Amino acid sequence: MFVLGAILLGFVSAEVLYTEYKNNLDDSEYNAYLIQIGSFSDKDPENIDTSNYLVLKEDGIYNVYAGITTKLANASKIKEVYASEEIEGVIKPVVIDNVEFMSNLEQFDILLSEVDSKENIKSINDAIISEYEEIVLRDK
């Protein structure tokens, strides 16, 4: 009986949190930042390897993103990494309404906040992009 009560309490708590989260999204508040490093009319532009990046078709254009984060400081850090390689980046605020991905992203952001090396930042971003493709894009 105790276990059933605990499961029910957990379910109700999750529903309340999810409803609150969705209500915040409905207010059009941004909850993440994408770091855009390019735009193309073709999904696979010639002479450019986009395999390590997130490529999303938006309004008929393929936008290439190098990172995703919930913190503006981390977005600036990612942008600086690419700027050091002479790749111009733009930070775009967005709303991502996938609770599972956002929960994972918050954990990745803790890691991003703690690292400074270009290799570590890129490695974490690769994992984030992979998670986005696996969790968010599978639902679309």
Protein backbone atom coordinates (compact mmCIF):
# COMPACT_ATOMS: atom_id res chain seq x y z
CA MET A 1 0.00 0.00 0.00
CA PHE A 2 2.87 2.35 0.87
CA VAL A 3 4.53 1.72 -2.52
CA LEU A 4 1.31 2.47 -4.39
CA GLY A 5 0.94 5.74 -2.49
CA ALA A 6 4.53 6.71 -3.28
CA ILE A 7 4.03 5.97 -6.99
CA LEU A 8 0.81 8.00 -7.06
CA LEU A 9 2.46 10.90 -5.23
CA GLY A 10 5.38 10.82 -7.70
CA PHE A 11 3.03 10.82 -10.67
CA VAL A 12 1.00 13.75 -9.33
CA SER A 13 4.18 15.72 -8.55
CA ALA A 14 5.52 15.12 -12.06
CA GLU A 15 2.23 16.26 -13.59
CA VAL A 16 2.24 19.47 -11.54
CA LEU A 17 5.85 20.24 -12.51
CA TYR A 18 5.21 19.45 -16.18
CA THR A 19 2.09 21.65 -16.23
CA GLU A 20 4.02 24.52 -14.66
CA TYR A 21 6.82 24.04 -17.19
CA LYS A 22 4.36 24.07 -20.11
CA ASN A 23 2.64 27.19 -18.73
CA ASN A 24 5.98 28.99 -18.70
CA LEU A 25 6.53 28.02 -22.33
CA ASP A 26 3.12 29.35 -23.26
CA ASP A 27 4.30 32.78 -22.06
CA SER A 28 6.81 32.68 -24.98
CA GLU A 29 9.79 32.86 -22.66
CA TYR A 30 12.97 31.52 -24.18
CA ASN A 31 14.44 28.55 -22.37
CA ALA A 32 17.51 27.80 -24.49
CA TYR A 33 20.05 29.27 -26.85
CA LEU A 34 21.24 27.87 -30.17
CA ILE A 35 24.61 28.92 -31.53
CA GLN A 36 24.16 29.27 -35.29
CA ILE A 37 27.28 29.12 -37.45
CA GLY A 38 25.80 28.98 -40.93
CA SER A 39 22.81 28.89 -43.27
CA PHE A 40 22.48 27.11 -46.59
CA SER A 41 19.86 26.53 -49.24
CA ASP A 42 20.97 22.88 -49.59
CA LYS A 43 21.03 20.36 -46.74
CA ASP A 44 24.51 19.15 -47.72
CA PRO A 45 26.44 22.14 -49.09
CA GLU A 46 29.47 21.35 -51.22
CA ASN A 47 32.90 21.36 -49.53
CA ILE A 48 31.44 21.80 -46.03
CA ASP A 49 31.23 18.97 -43.49
CA THR A 50 28.11 19.47 -41.37
CA SER A 51 28.18 15.99 -39.78
CA ASN A 52 29.19 17.24 -36.31
CA TYR A 53 26.58 19.95 -36.22
CA LEU A 54 22.83 20.19 -35.85
CA VAL A 55 21.21 21.04 -39.19
CA LEU A 56 17.58 22.17 -39.02
CA LYS A 57 15.37 23.21 -41.91
CA GLU A 58 13.65 26.45 -40.94
CA ASP A 59 11.60 28.50 -43.41
CA GLY A 60 13.14 26.68 -46.37
CA ILE A 61 16.72 27.33 -45.23
CA TYR A 62 19.06 24.82 -43.59
CA ASN A 63 20.54 26.42 -40.48
CA VAL A 64 23.68 24.92 -38.94
CA TYR A 65 24.05 25.01 -35.17
CA ALA A 66 27.24 24.29 -33.23
CA GLY A 67 25.73 24.21 -29.77
CA ILE A 68 22.68 24.33 -27.53
CA THR A 69 22.60 25.61 -23.96
CA THR A 70 20.24 27.05 -21.36
CA LYS A 71 22.74 29.64 -20.13
CA LEU A 72 23.74 32.78 -21.99
CA ALA A 73 27.24 32.61 -20.46
CA ASN A 74 27.70 29.13 -21.94
CA ALA A 75 26.36 30.32 -25.30
CA SER A 76 28.97 33.08 -25.31
CA LYS A 77 31.66 30.54 -24.41
CA ILE A 78 30.66 28.31 -27.33
CA LYS A 79 30.52 31.27 -29.69
CA GLU A 80 34.05 32.30 -28.63
CA VAL A 81 35.40 28.80 -29.35
CA TYR A 82 34.19 29.04 -32.94
CA ALA A 83 35.30 32.67 -33.27
CA SER A 84 38.84 31.51 -32.40
CA GLU A 85 38.60 29.32 -35.52
CA GLU A 86 37.32 32.27 -37.57
CA ILE A 87 33.78 30.88 -37.67
CA GLU A 88 31.24 33.57 -36.95
CA GLY A 89 28.43 32.50 -34.63
CA VAL A 90 25.09 34.01 -33.71
CA ILE A 91 23.29 33.28 -30.46
CA LYS A 92 19.58 32.63 -31.06
CA PRO A 93 17.14 32.39 -28.13
CA VAL A 94 14.60 29.59 -28.65
CA VAL A 95 11.87 27.66 -26.90
CA ILE A 96 12.41 23.91 -26.68
CA ASP A 97 9.33 22.15 -25.33
CA ASN A 98 10.78 18.69 -24.78
CA VAL A 99 11.04 18.15 -21.02
CA GLU A 100 13.32 15.12 -21.28
CA PHE A 101 15.84 16.96 -23.46
CA MET A 102 15.73 20.12 -21.33
CA SER A 103 16.42 18.08 -18.21
CA ASN A 104 19.45 16.52 -19.88
CA LEU A 105 20.57 19.89 -21.24
CA GLU A 106 20.60 21.40 -17.76
CA GLN A 107 22.99 18.63 -16.67
CA PHE A 108 25.23 19.25 -19.68
CA ASP A 109 25.19 22.98 -18.85
CA ILE A 110 26.70 22.24 -15.46
CA LEU A 111 29.59 20.55 -17.27
CA LEU A 112 29.90 23.38 -19.81
CA SER A 113 30.09 25.92 -16.99
CA GLU A 114 33.08 24.10 -15.49
CA VAL A 115 35.27 23.58 -18.57
CA ASP A 116 37.37 26.04 -20.54
CA SER A 117 39.32 24.03 -23.10
CA LYS A 118 38.14 24.13 -26.69
CA GLU A 119 38.26 20.33 -26.95
CA ASN A 120 36.09 19.83 -23.87
CA ILE A 121 33.55 22.43 -24.97
CA LYS A 122 33.28 20.87 -28.42
CA SER A 123 33.03 17.36 -26.96
CA ILE A 124 30.18 18.36 -24.66
CA ASN A 125 28.43 20.12 -27.56
CA ASP A 126 28.74 16.98 -29.70
CA ALA A 127 26.97 15.04 -26.94
CA ILE A 128 24.27 17.71 -26.61
CA ILE A 129 23.60 17.75 -30.35
CA SER A 130 23.43 13.96 -30.39
CA GLU A 131 20.90 14.05 -27.52
CA TYR A 132 18.83 16.68 -29.35
CA GLU A 133 18.73 14.60 -32.51
CA GLU A 134 17.85 11.46 -30.56
CA ILE A 135 15.24 12.90 -28.20
CA VAL A 136 13.69 15.96 -29.88
CA LEU A 137 13.91 15.12 -33.56
CA ARG A 138 12.63 11.58 -33.10
CA ASP A 139 9.28 13.08 -32.06
CA LYS A 140 9.00 15.16 -35.24
